[in-house]
């Protein structure tokens, strides 16, 4: 009888996986904060590019930080005008999916 020899797979999910996850999460949070601050600084410019950049930064922060997500939910609960504006923005026909995702995740009804 012939014995079948199998090789074990090397798994990097242990310590390497947690280190990579930590680095990716903190890189995305840093990028999100940078885009949000840069977008808010450039918001007064007549072209609406600053608001769009701020929304991209906010979407990155909401998708990677539950604390930011809860903060935006509380802010939308307190400021009804912001809540109406975000809901209207998400209901527009050509609204990008990442903005719809931010509005859905930060809905004060959750």
N, C-alpha and C. Protein backbone atom coordinates (compact mmCIF):
# COMPACT_ATOMS: atom_id res chain seq x y z
N UNK A 1 0.80 -1.17 0.00
CA UNK A 1 0.00 0.00 0.00
C UNK A 1 0.85 1.24 0.00
N UNK A 2 0.42 2.17 -0.76
CA UNK A 2 1.16 3.42 -0.89
C UNK A 2 0.60 4.45 0.08
N UNK A 3 1.48 5.11 0.79
CA UNK A 3 1.08 6.12 1.75
C UNK A 3 1.02 7.48 1.05
N UNK A 4 -0.09 8.20 1.26
CA UNK A 4 -0.23 9.51 0.65
C UNK A 4 0.29 10.56 1.61
N UNK A 5 1.23 11.32 1.12
CA UNK A 5 1.82 12.37 1.93
C UNK A 5 1.23 13.71 1.48
N UNK A 6 0.67 14.45 2.43
CA UNK A 6 0.11 15.76 2.09
C UNK A 6 0.90 16.84 2.80
N UNK A 7 0.99 17.95 2.15
CA UNK A 7 1.69 19.10 2.73
C UNK A 7 0.66 19.95 3.47
N UNK A 8 1.05 20.44 4.63
CA UNK A 8 0.17 21.33 5.38
C UNK A 8 0.28 22.73 4.78
N UNK A 9 -0.87 23.39 4.73
CA UNK A 9 -0.86 24.76 4.25
C UNK A 9 -0.32 25.67 5.34
N UNK A 10 0.48 26.60 4.92
CA UNK A 10 0.99 27.58 5.86
C UNK A 10 -0.03 28.71 5.94
N UNK A 11 -0.49 28.99 7.13
CA UNK A 11 -1.52 30.01 7.32
C UNK A 11 -0.90 31.26 7.94
N UNK A 12 -1.17 32.37 7.32
CA UNK A 12 -0.69 33.64 7.84
C UNK A 12 -1.80 34.36 8.61
N UNK A 13 -2.85 33.65 8.97
CA UNK A 13 -3.97 34.29 9.65
C UNK A 13 -3.68 34.54 11.11
N UNK A 14 -2.71 33.93 11.65
CA UNK A 14 -2.39 34.12 13.06
C UNK A 14 -1.95 35.53 13.36
N UNK A 15 -0.71 35.66 13.75
CA UNK A 15 -0.20 36.97 14.14
C UNK A 15 -0.03 37.90 12.95
N UNK A 16 0.33 37.35 11.79
CA UNK A 16 0.52 38.19 10.62
C UNK A 16 -0.80 38.79 10.15
N UNK A 17 -1.87 38.01 10.23
CA UNK A 17 -3.18 38.51 9.82
C UNK A 17 -3.64 39.66 10.69
N UNK A 18 -3.40 39.56 11.98
CA UNK A 18 -3.84 40.64 12.87
C UNK A 18 -2.97 41.88 12.68
N UNK A 19 -1.70 41.70 12.40
CA UNK A 19 -0.83 42.86 12.15
C UNK A 19 -1.24 43.55 10.85
N UNK A 20 -1.50 42.79 9.82
CA UNK A 20 -1.91 43.37 8.54
C UNK A 20 -3.26 44.08 8.70
N UNK A 21 -4.19 43.46 9.43
CA UNK A 21 -5.49 44.09 9.66
C UNK A 21 -5.32 45.41 10.43
N UNK A 22 -4.45 45.43 11.43
CA UNK A 22 -4.20 46.64 12.21
C UNK A 22 -3.63 47.75 11.33
N UNK A 23 -2.66 47.40 10.49
CA UNK A 23 -2.03 48.39 9.61
C UNK A 23 -3.03 48.92 8.59
N UNK A 24 -3.81 48.03 7.98
CA UNK A 24 -4.79 48.47 6.97
C UNK A 24 -5.86 49.35 7.59
N UNK A 25 -6.35 48.98 8.77
CA UNK A 25 -7.39 49.77 9.42
C UNK A 25 -6.88 51.16 9.76
N UNK A 26 -5.70 51.26 10.34
CA UNK A 26 -5.17 52.57 10.72
C UNK A 26 -4.78 53.40 9.50
N UNK A 27 -4.35 52.77 8.43
CA UNK A 27 -4.06 53.50 7.21
C UNK A 27 -5.34 54.09 6.63
N UNK A 28 -6.40 53.31 6.61
CA UNK A 28 -7.67 53.80 6.08
C UNK A 28 -8.25 54.91 6.96
N UNK A 29 -8.11 54.79 8.28
CA UNK A 29 -8.60 55.85 9.17
C UNK A 29 -7.82 57.14 8.96
N UNK A 30 -6.51 57.03 8.80
CA UNK A 30 -5.69 58.21 8.54
C UNK A 30 -6.07 58.85 7.21
N UNK A 31 -6.26 58.04 6.19
CA UNK A 31 -6.68 58.55 4.89
C UNK A 31 -8.05 59.22 4.98
N UNK A 32 -8.96 58.61 5.71
CA UNK A 32 -10.30 59.18 5.87
C UNK A 32 -10.27 60.53 6.56
N UNK A 33 -9.49 60.64 7.66
CA UNK A 33 -9.38 61.92 8.36
C UNK A 33 -8.73 62.97 7.47
N UNK A 34 -7.70 62.58 6.72
CA UNK A 34 -7.03 63.52 5.83
C UNK A 34 -7.99 64.05 4.77
N UNK A 35 -8.76 63.15 4.13
CA UNK A 35 -9.69 63.57 3.10
C UNK A 35 -10.82 64.43 3.67
N UNK A 36 -11.29 64.09 4.87
CA UNK A 36 -12.35 64.88 5.48
C UNK A 36 -11.88 66.28 5.80
N UNK A 37 -10.71 66.41 6.40
CA UNK A 37 -10.18 67.74 6.75
C UNK A 37 -9.85 68.53 5.48
N UNK A 38 -9.23 67.89 4.51
CA UNK A 38 -8.90 68.57 3.25
C UNK A 38 -10.17 69.02 2.53
N UNK A 39 -11.20 68.18 2.56
CA UNK A 39 -12.46 68.54 1.93
C UNK A 39 -13.14 69.71 2.62
N UNK A 40 -13.07 69.74 3.96
CA UNK A 40 -13.68 70.85 4.69
C UNK A 40 -12.92 72.16 4.47
N UNK A 41 -11.60 72.06 4.31
CA UNK A 41 -10.80 73.26 4.04
C UNK A 41 -11.11 73.81 2.65
N UNK A 42 -11.26 72.92 1.68
CA UNK A 42 -11.49 73.36 0.30
C UNK A 42 -12.98 73.53 -0.02
N UNK A 43 -13.86 73.36 0.94
CA UNK A 43 -15.31 73.49 0.70
C UNK A 43 -15.72 74.89 0.25
N UNK A 44 -15.12 75.98 0.75
CA UNK A 44 -15.57 77.31 0.32
C UNK A 44 -15.21 77.67 -1.13
N UNK A 45 -14.39 76.88 -1.77
CA UNK A 45 -14.03 77.14 -3.17
C UNK A 45 -15.29 77.01 -4.02
N UNK A 46 -15.47 77.86 -5.04
CA UNK A 46 -16.71 77.82 -5.83
C UNK A 46 -17.02 76.46 -6.49
N UNK A 47 -16.00 75.70 -6.83
CA UNK A 47 -16.27 74.37 -7.37
C UNK A 47 -16.64 73.44 -6.23
N UNK A 48 -17.60 72.56 -6.41
CA UNK A 48 -18.05 71.71 -5.30
C UNK A 48 -17.15 70.50 -5.04
N UNK A 49 -15.87 70.61 -5.34
CA UNK A 49 -14.97 69.47 -5.16
C UNK A 49 -14.68 69.21 -3.68
N UNK A 50 -14.68 70.25 -2.86
CA UNK A 50 -14.37 70.08 -1.44
C UNK A 50 -15.42 69.25 -0.72
N UNK A 51 -16.68 69.49 -1.03
CA UNK A 51 -17.75 68.72 -0.41
C UNK A 51 -17.67 67.25 -0.80
N UNK A 52 -17.34 67.00 -2.05
CA UNK A 52 -17.23 65.62 -2.53
C UNK A 52 -16.07 64.90 -1.85
N UNK A 53 -14.94 65.58 -1.70
CA UNK A 53 -13.78 64.98 -1.02
C UNK A 53 -14.10 64.72 0.44
N UNK A 54 -14.82 65.65 1.08
CA UNK A 54 -15.21 65.45 2.49
C UNK A 54 -16.15 64.25 2.62
N UNK A 55 -17.05 64.07 1.67
CA UNK A 55 -17.95 62.91 1.72
C UNK A 55 -17.19 61.60 1.52
N UNK A 56 -16.18 61.61 0.68
CA UNK A 56 -15.36 60.41 0.50
C UNK A 56 -14.64 60.08 1.82
N UNK A 57 -14.07 61.10 2.46
CA UNK A 57 -13.41 60.89 3.74
C UNK A 57 -14.37 60.39 4.80
N UNK A 58 -15.57 60.97 4.84
CA UNK A 58 -16.58 60.53 5.80
C UNK A 58 -17.00 59.09 5.54
N UNK A 59 -17.13 58.71 4.29
CA UNK A 59 -17.52 57.33 3.98
C UNK A 59 -16.45 56.34 4.41
N UNK A 60 -15.18 56.71 4.26
CA UNK A 60 -14.09 55.83 4.71
C UNK A 60 -14.12 55.71 6.23
N UNK A 61 -14.32 56.83 6.92
CA UNK A 61 -14.36 56.80 8.37
C UNK A 61 -15.53 56.00 8.90
N UNK A 62 -16.70 56.17 8.29
CA UNK A 62 -17.89 55.44 8.75
C UNK A 62 -17.74 53.94 8.51
N UNK A 63 -17.12 53.56 7.41
CA UNK A 63 -16.99 52.13 7.12
C UNK A 63 -15.92 51.45 7.96
N UNK A 64 -14.98 52.20 8.55
CA UNK A 64 -13.90 51.58 9.31
C UNK A 64 -13.93 51.87 10.81
N UNK A 65 -14.84 52.74 11.27
CA UNK A 65 -14.85 53.09 12.69
C UNK A 65 -16.29 53.11 13.22
N UNK A 66 -16.64 52.16 14.07
CA UNK A 66 -17.98 52.16 14.66
C UNK A 66 -18.23 53.39 15.53
N UNK A 67 -17.19 53.94 16.14
CA UNK A 67 -17.34 55.13 16.98
C UNK A 67 -17.76 56.34 16.13
N UNK A 68 -17.15 56.51 14.98
CA UNK A 68 -17.52 57.60 14.06
C UNK A 68 -18.94 57.38 13.56
N UNK A 69 -19.29 56.13 13.27
CA UNK A 69 -20.62 55.82 12.79
C UNK A 69 -21.68 56.21 13.82
N UNK A 70 -21.45 55.87 15.09
CA UNK A 70 -22.39 56.25 16.15
C UNK A 70 -22.44 57.76 16.33
N UNK A 71 -21.30 58.44 16.19
CA UNK A 71 -21.27 59.89 16.31
C UNK A 71 -22.09 60.58 15.23
N UNK A 72 -21.98 60.08 13.99
CA UNK A 72 -22.75 60.67 12.90
C UNK A 72 -24.24 60.37 13.10
N UNK A 73 -24.56 59.18 13.62
CA UNK A 73 -25.96 58.87 13.92
C UNK A 73 -26.54 59.85 14.94
N UNK A 74 -25.78 60.11 16.01
CA UNK A 74 -26.24 61.05 17.04
C UNK A 74 -26.38 62.46 16.47
N UNK A 75 -25.44 62.86 15.62
CA UNK A 75 -25.50 64.18 15.01
C UNK A 75 -26.72 64.30 14.10
N UNK A 76 -27.02 63.25 13.34
CA UNK A 76 -28.19 63.28 12.47
C UNK A 76 -29.48 63.29 13.28
N UNK A 77 -29.48 62.65 14.46
CA UNK A 77 -30.65 62.69 15.32
C UNK A 77 -30.90 64.09 15.87
N UNK A 78 -29.82 64.79 16.22
CA UNK A 78 -29.95 66.13 16.81
C UNK A 78 -30.23 67.20 15.76
N UNK A 79 -29.57 67.14 14.62
CA UNK A 79 -29.70 68.16 13.58
C UNK A 79 -30.58 67.61 12.46
N UNK A 80 -31.86 67.96 12.51
CA UNK A 80 -32.80 67.39 11.54
C UNK A 80 -32.53 67.89 10.12
N UNK A 81 -32.01 69.10 9.99
CA UNK A 81 -31.70 69.61 8.66
C UNK A 81 -30.60 68.77 8.00
N UNK A 82 -29.60 68.37 8.76
CA UNK A 82 -28.54 67.49 8.24
C UNK A 82 -29.12 66.14 7.84
N UNK A 83 -30.01 65.61 8.66
CA UNK A 83 -30.64 64.33 8.36
C UNK A 83 -31.46 64.41 7.08
N UNK A 84 -32.24 65.48 6.92
CA UNK A 84 -33.04 65.64 5.70
C UNK A 84 -32.14 65.81 4.48
N UNK A 85 -31.05 66.57 4.63
CA UNK A 85 -30.13 66.77 3.52
C UNK A 85 -29.45 65.49 3.08
N UNK A 86 -29.00 64.69 4.06
CA UNK A 86 -28.34 63.42 3.71
C UNK A 86 -29.32 62.44 3.10
N UNK A 87 -30.55 62.42 3.61
CA UNK A 87 -31.57 61.52 3.05
C UNK A 87 -31.91 61.94 1.62
N UNK A 88 -32.03 63.25 1.40
CA UNK A 88 -32.30 63.74 0.05
C UNK A 88 -31.15 63.42 -0.89
N UNK A 89 -29.93 63.59 -0.42
CA UNK A 89 -28.75 63.30 -1.25
C UNK A 89 -28.72 61.84 -1.66
N UNK A 90 -29.06 60.95 -0.74
CA UNK A 90 -29.04 59.52 -1.05
C UNK A 90 -30.17 59.12 -1.98
N UNK A 91 -31.26 59.89 -1.99
CA UNK A 91 -32.39 59.52 -2.83
C UNK A 91 -32.25 60.05 -4.26
N UNK A 92 -31.23 60.86 -4.51
CA UNK A 92 -31.03 61.39 -5.86
C UNK A 92 -30.70 60.24 -6.82
N UNK A 93 -31.04 60.43 -8.08
CA UNK A 93 -30.92 59.36 -9.06
C UNK A 93 -29.48 58.90 -9.30
N UNK A 94 -28.56 59.84 -9.37
CA UNK A 94 -27.17 59.49 -9.70
C UNK A 94 -26.25 59.59 -8.49
N UNK A 95 -26.78 59.34 -7.33
CA UNK A 95 -25.97 59.38 -6.11
C UNK A 95 -25.01 58.19 -6.09
N UNK A 96 -23.72 58.43 -5.83
CA UNK A 96 -22.77 57.31 -5.77
C UNK A 96 -23.13 56.32 -4.66
N UNK A 97 -22.78 55.08 -4.86
CA UNK A 97 -23.13 54.03 -3.90
C UNK A 97 -22.47 54.22 -2.55
N UNK A 98 -21.26 54.79 -2.51
CA UNK A 98 -20.60 54.96 -1.23
C UNK A 98 -21.32 55.99 -0.38
N UNK A 99 -21.95 56.98 -1.00
CA UNK A 99 -22.73 57.96 -0.23
C UNK A 99 -24.02 57.33 0.26
N UNK A 100 -24.66 56.52 -0.57
CA UNK A 100 -25.85 55.80 -0.13
C UNK A 100 -25.53 54.88 1.04
N UNK A 101 -24.36 54.27 1.01
CA UNK A 101 -23.93 53.38 2.09
C UNK A 101 -23.74 54.16 3.39
N UNK A 102 -23.14 55.35 3.31
CA UNK A 102 -22.95 56.19 4.50
C UNK A 102 -24.30 56.58 5.08
N UNK A 103 -25.23 56.98 4.23
CA UNK A 103 -26.55 57.40 4.71
C UNK A 103 -27.28 56.22 5.35
N UNK A 104 -27.16 55.05 4.76
CA UNK A 104 -27.81 53.87 5.31
C UNK A 104 -27.20 53.47 6.65
N UNK A 105 -25.88 53.47 6.74
CA UNK A 105 -25.21 53.06 7.98
C UNK A 105 -25.41 54.04 9.12
N UNK A 106 -25.59 55.32 8.80
CA UNK A 106 -25.72 56.32 9.85
C UNK A 106 -27.15 56.78 10.06
N UNK A 107 -28.10 56.00 9.59
CA UNK A 107 -29.50 56.37 9.74
C UNK A 107 -29.86 56.46 11.23
N UNK A 108 -30.50 57.55 11.65
CA UNK A 108 -30.86 57.67 13.07
C UNK A 108 -31.97 56.71 13.49
N UNK A 109 -32.60 56.04 12.54
CA UNK A 109 -33.66 55.09 12.86
C UNK A 109 -33.14 53.76 13.35
N UNK A 110 -31.84 53.51 13.22
CA UNK A 110 -31.27 52.22 13.63
C UNK A 110 -31.24 52.05 15.13
